Amino acid sequence: MTISRVILINVPEGQEADAERVWKEDCSTLMRKQKGCTAEKLLRSLDRPGLFISYSEWDSQVDIDRYRDSEDHKSIQSESRALQGGRAVVWRYEVVE
């Protein structure tokens, strides 16, 4: 079963370019190398400036849990919290096939 992980990220006005740079250079690279992560994208809202979604697909919950316990995940959390000034909102979805 593929699991899609959706993370809502609110970035303060004026920090959008920094958020995109950090995600491309640091966060995305770390996520894509994780076992079980088959896709990862950063989506920028066309309607609300500063609103981003991190979208990733995973082979299993076990892979997500392993990633969440990793040093890479801690690094990504640190980077993203510095940009948004708070906690990200995370949802998980099962892909209907």
N, C-alpha and C. Protein backbone atom coordinates (compact mmCIF):
# COMPACT_ATOMS: atom_id res chain seq x y z
N MET A 1 0.84 -1.17 0.00
CA MET A 1 0.00 0.00 0.00
C MET A 1 0.89 1.24 0.00
N THR A 2 0.68 2.11 -0.93
CA THR A 2 1.40 3.38 -0.97
C THR A 2 0.73 4.37 -0.03
N ILE A 3 1.55 5.08 0.74
CA ILE A 3 1.03 6.11 1.64
C ILE A 3 1.56 7.46 1.17
N SER A 4 0.64 8.40 0.99
CA SER A 4 1.03 9.77 0.66
C SER A 4 1.07 10.58 1.94
N ARG A 5 2.13 11.34 2.10
CA ARG A 5 2.31 12.18 3.28
C ARG A 5 2.26 13.62 2.82
N VAL A 6 1.37 14.40 3.43
CA VAL A 6 1.15 15.79 3.04
C VAL A 6 1.45 16.67 4.24
N ILE A 7 2.37 17.61 4.08
CA ILE A 7 2.76 18.49 5.17
C ILE A 7 2.50 19.93 4.76
N LEU A 8 1.65 20.61 5.52
CA LEU A 8 1.33 22.01 5.27
C LEU A 8 2.37 22.88 5.97
N ILE A 9 2.96 23.80 5.22
CA ILE A 9 4.01 24.66 5.75
C ILE A 9 3.64 26.12 5.46
N ASN A 10 3.47 26.91 6.51
CA ASN A 10 3.22 28.34 6.37
C ASN A 10 4.53 29.08 6.59
N VAL A 11 4.94 29.84 5.59
CA VAL A 11 6.20 30.58 5.66
C VAL A 11 5.87 32.07 5.78
N PRO A 12 6.51 32.77 6.71
CA PRO A 12 6.26 34.20 6.86
C PRO A 12 6.56 34.98 5.57
N GLU A 13 5.80 36.03 5.36
CA GLU A 13 5.99 36.88 4.19
C GLU A 13 7.44 37.33 4.10
N GLY A 14 7.98 37.26 2.90
CA GLY A 14 9.36 37.67 2.67
C GLY A 14 10.37 36.53 2.80
N GLN A 15 9.94 35.38 3.30
CA GLN A 15 10.85 34.25 3.46
C GLN A 15 10.58 33.13 2.45
N GLU A 16 9.69 33.39 1.50
CA GLU A 16 9.32 32.35 0.54
C GLU A 16 10.52 31.83 -0.26
N ALA A 17 11.34 32.75 -0.76
CA ALA A 17 12.50 32.34 -1.56
C ALA A 17 13.48 31.52 -0.72
N ASP A 18 13.67 31.92 0.54
CA ASP A 18 14.54 31.16 1.44
C ASP A 18 13.98 29.76 1.66
N ALA A 19 12.67 29.66 1.85
CA ALA A 19 12.03 28.36 2.08
C ALA A 19 12.25 27.45 0.88
N GLU A 20 12.05 27.97 -0.31
CA GLU A 20 12.25 27.16 -1.52
C GLU A 20 13.70 26.71 -1.65
N ARG A 21 14.63 27.61 -1.39
CA ARG A 21 16.05 27.27 -1.48
C ARG A 21 16.41 26.18 -0.48
N VAL A 22 16.00 26.35 0.78
CA VAL A 22 16.31 25.36 1.82
C VAL A 22 15.71 24.01 1.46
N TRP A 23 14.47 24.02 0.96
CA TRP A 23 13.84 22.75 0.63
C TRP A 23 14.57 22.05 -0.51
N LYS A 24 14.89 22.80 -1.56
CA LYS A 24 15.57 22.20 -2.71
C LYS A 24 16.97 21.70 -2.36
N GLU A 25 17.72 22.52 -1.62
CA GLU A 25 19.12 22.20 -1.36
C GLU A 25 19.32 21.22 -0.21
N ASP A 26 18.45 21.24 0.78
CA ASP A 26 18.67 20.43 1.97
C ASP A 26 17.59 19.36 2.18
N CYS A 27 16.38 19.80 2.38
CA CYS A 27 15.30 18.89 2.79
C CYS A 27 14.97 17.84 1.73
N SER A 28 14.76 18.28 0.52
CA SER A 28 14.37 17.35 -0.55
C SER A 28 15.43 16.27 -0.76
N THR A 29 16.68 16.68 -0.75
CA THR A 29 17.78 15.74 -0.94
C THR A 29 17.78 14.67 0.14
N LEU A 30 17.58 15.07 1.39
CA LEU A 30 17.56 14.11 2.49
C LEU A 30 16.37 13.17 2.39
N MET A 31 15.20 13.70 2.05
CA MET A 31 14.01 12.85 1.97
C MET A 31 14.11 11.82 0.86
N ARG A 32 14.59 12.25 -0.29
CA ARG A 32 14.63 11.35 -1.44
C ARG A 32 15.57 10.16 -1.25
N LYS A 33 16.52 10.28 -0.36
CA LYS A 33 17.44 9.16 -0.14
C LYS A 33 16.93 8.16 0.89
N GLN A 34 15.78 8.44 1.50
CA GLN A 34 15.24 7.56 2.53
C GLN A 34 14.68 6.28 1.92
N LYS A 35 14.93 5.17 2.59
CA LYS A 35 14.38 3.89 2.13
C LYS A 35 12.85 3.98 2.15
N GLY A 36 12.23 3.63 1.04
CA GLY A 36 10.77 3.62 0.96
C GLY A 36 10.15 4.90 0.45
N CYS A 37 10.92 5.98 0.35
CA CYS A 37 10.39 7.24 -0.19
C CYS A 37 10.49 7.17 -1.71
N THR A 38 9.34 7.11 -2.39
CA THR A 38 9.34 6.94 -3.84
C THR A 38 9.09 8.23 -4.60
N ALA A 39 8.63 9.27 -3.90
CA ALA A 39 8.39 10.56 -4.55
C ALA A 39 8.39 11.65 -3.48
N GLU A 40 8.86 12.83 -3.87
CA GLU A 40 8.85 13.98 -2.96
C GLU A 40 8.79 15.24 -3.80
N LYS A 41 7.85 16.12 -3.46
CA LYS A 41 7.69 17.37 -4.20
C LYS A 41 7.32 18.48 -3.22
N LEU A 42 7.73 19.70 -3.54
CA LEU A 42 7.31 20.87 -2.79
C LEU A 42 6.33 21.63 -3.67
N LEU A 43 5.12 21.85 -3.16
CA LEU A 43 4.08 22.56 -3.90
C LEU A 43 3.92 23.96 -3.32
N ARG A 44 3.88 24.96 -4.19
CA ARG A 44 3.69 26.36 -3.78
C ARG A 44 2.28 26.78 -4.15
N SER A 45 1.56 27.34 -3.20
CA SER A 45 0.19 27.77 -3.45
C SER A 45 0.15 28.92 -4.45
N LEU A 46 -0.78 28.83 -5.38
CA LEU A 46 -1.02 29.92 -6.31
C LEU A 46 -1.99 30.94 -5.72
N ASP A 47 -2.70 30.54 -4.67
CA ASP A 47 -3.73 31.39 -4.09
C ASP A 47 -3.32 32.09 -2.80
N ARG A 48 -2.40 31.48 -2.06
CA ARG A 48 -1.99 32.04 -0.76
C ARG A 48 -0.46 32.13 -0.69
N PRO A 49 0.09 33.31 -0.84
CA PRO A 49 1.54 33.46 -0.73
C PRO A 49 2.04 32.92 0.62
N GLY A 50 3.14 32.23 0.58
CA GLY A 50 3.73 31.70 1.80
C GLY A 50 3.22 30.33 2.21
N LEU A 51 2.23 29.81 1.50
CA LEU A 51 1.69 28.49 1.83
C LEU A 51 2.30 27.44 0.89
N PHE A 52 2.93 26.45 1.49
CA PHE A 52 3.57 25.37 0.74
C PHE A 52 3.05 24.03 1.25
N ILE A 53 3.15 23.02 0.40
CA ILE A 53 2.85 21.65 0.80
C ILE A 53 4.03 20.79 0.38
N SER A 54 4.53 20.03 1.34
CA SER A 54 5.51 18.99 1.04
C SER A 54 4.69 17.72 0.80
N TYR A 55 4.83 17.15 -0.39
CA TYR A 55 4.09 15.95 -0.76
C TYR A 55 5.10 14.83 -0.99
N SER A 56 4.92 13.72 -0.29
CA SER A 56 5.81 12.57 -0.51
C SER A 56 4.99 11.28 -0.55
N GLU A 57 5.54 10.29 -1.24
CA GLU A 57 4.92 8.97 -1.31
C GLU A 57 5.88 7.96 -0.72
N TRP A 58 5.31 7.03 0.05
CA TRP A 58 6.09 6.04 0.78
C TRP A 58 5.54 4.64 0.53
N ASP A 59 6.44 3.67 0.56
CA ASP A 59 6.03 2.28 0.38
C ASP A 59 5.23 1.75 1.56
N SER A 60 5.54 2.21 2.78
CA SER A 60 4.86 1.66 3.95
C SER A 60 4.98 2.60 5.15
N GLN A 61 4.16 2.33 6.16
CA GLN A 61 4.25 3.08 7.41
C GLN A 61 5.56 2.78 8.13
N VAL A 62 6.06 1.58 7.97
CA VAL A 62 7.35 1.21 8.57
C VAL A 62 8.45 2.13 8.03
N ASP A 63 8.43 2.39 6.72
CA ASP A 63 9.43 3.28 6.12
C ASP A 63 9.29 4.71 6.67
N ILE A 64 8.06 5.18 6.81
CA ILE A 64 7.83 6.52 7.37
C ILE A 64 8.34 6.58 8.80
N ASP A 65 8.03 5.57 9.59
CA ASP A 65 8.47 5.55 10.99
C ASP A 65 10.00 5.54 11.09
N ARG A 66 10.64 4.77 10.24
CA ARG A 66 12.11 4.71 10.23
C ARG A 66 12.67 6.10 9.91
N TYR A 67 12.09 6.74 8.91
CA TYR A 67 12.52 8.09 8.54
C TYR A 67 12.29 9.07 9.69
N ARG A 68 11.12 9.01 10.33
CA ARG A 68 10.80 9.94 11.41
C ARG A 68 11.74 9.79 12.61
N ASP A 69 12.33 8.61 12.77
CA ASP A 69 13.28 8.38 13.86
C ASP A 69 14.73 8.69 13.47
N SER A 70 14.94 9.14 12.23
CA SER A 70 16.30 9.34 11.72
C SER A 70 16.85 10.74 12.03
N GLU A 71 18.16 10.83 11.96
CA GLU A 71 18.83 12.13 12.11
C GLU A 71 18.47 13.05 10.95
N ASP A 72 18.25 12.48 9.76
CA ASP A 72 17.84 13.29 8.61
C ASP A 72 16.52 14.00 8.89
N HIS A 73 15.57 13.30 9.49
CA HIS A 73 14.28 13.91 9.81
C HIS A 73 14.47 15.05 10.81
N LYS A 74 15.30 14.85 11.81
CA LYS A 74 15.57 15.91 12.79
C LYS A 74 16.15 17.14 12.11
N SER A 75 17.04 16.93 11.16
CA SER A 75 17.64 18.03 10.42
C SER A 75 16.59 18.78 9.61
N ILE A 76 15.70 18.04 8.94
CA ILE A 76 14.64 18.67 8.15
C ILE A 76 13.70 19.45 9.06
N GLN A 77 13.34 18.90 10.20
CA GLN A 77 12.48 19.61 11.14
C GLN A 77 13.12 20.92 11.58
N SER A 78 14.38 20.88 11.88
CA SER A 78 15.09 22.07 12.32
C SER A 78 15.08 23.15 11.24
N GLU A 79 15.36 22.75 10.01
CA GLU A 79 15.37 23.69 8.88
C GLU A 79 13.99 24.29 8.66
N SER A 80 12.96 23.45 8.64
CA SER A 80 11.61 23.95 8.32
C SER A 80 11.03 24.77 9.45
N ARG A 81 11.30 24.43 10.69
CA ARG A 81 10.79 25.22 11.82
C ARG A 81 11.42 26.60 11.86
N ALA A 82 12.69 26.68 11.49
CA ALA A 82 13.35 27.98 11.48
C ALA A 82 12.68 28.91 10.47
N LEU A 83 12.19 28.35 9.38
CA LEU A 83 11.55 29.17 8.35
C LEU A 83 10.12 29.53 8.70
N GLN A 84 9.40 28.62 9.32
CA GLN A 84 7.98 28.89 9.54
C GLN A 84 7.67 29.37 10.95
N GLY A 85 8.63 29.25 11.84
CA GLY A 85 8.40 29.73 13.19
C GLY A 85 7.43 28.88 14.00
N GLY A 86 7.21 27.66 13.62
CA GLY A 86 6.29 26.80 14.35
C GLY A 86 6.30 25.39 13.83
N ARG A 87 5.27 24.64 14.16
CA ARG A 87 5.16 23.25 13.75
C ARG A 87 4.42 23.12 12.42
N ALA A 88 4.87 22.16 11.64
CA ALA A 88 4.17 21.83 10.40
C ALA A 88 2.96 20.97 10.74
N VAL A 89 1.97 21.02 9.87
CA VAL A 89 0.77 20.18 10.01
C VAL A 89 0.94 19.01 9.05
N VAL A 90 0.83 17.78 9.57
CA VAL A 90 1.08 16.58 8.77
C VAL A 90 -0.18 15.74 8.65
N TRP A 91 -0.47 15.31 7.42
CA TRP A 91 -1.56 14.37 7.17
C TRP A 91 -1.01 13.20 6.38
N ARG A 92 -1.62 12.01 6.57
CA ARG A 92 -1.27 10.83 5.79
C ARG A 92 -2.51 10.37 5.04
N TYR A 93 -2.30 9.93 3.80
CA TYR A 93 -3.40 9.44 2.98
C TYR A 93 -2.99 8.13 2.34
N GLU A 94 -3.94 7.22 2.22
CA GLU A 94 -3.72 5.98 1.49
C GLU A 94 -4.14 6.22 0.05
N VAL A 95 -3.32 5.75 -0.89
CA VAL A 95 -3.63 5.89 -2.30
C VAL A 95 -4.70 4.87 -2.67
N VAL A 96 -5.79 5.32 -3.25
CA VAL A 96 -6.88 4.44 -3.67
C VAL A 96 -6.56 3.99 -5.10
N GLU A 97 -6.46 2.68 -5.27
CA GLU A 97 -6.11 2.16 -6.60
C GLU A 97 -7.23 1.31 -7.13
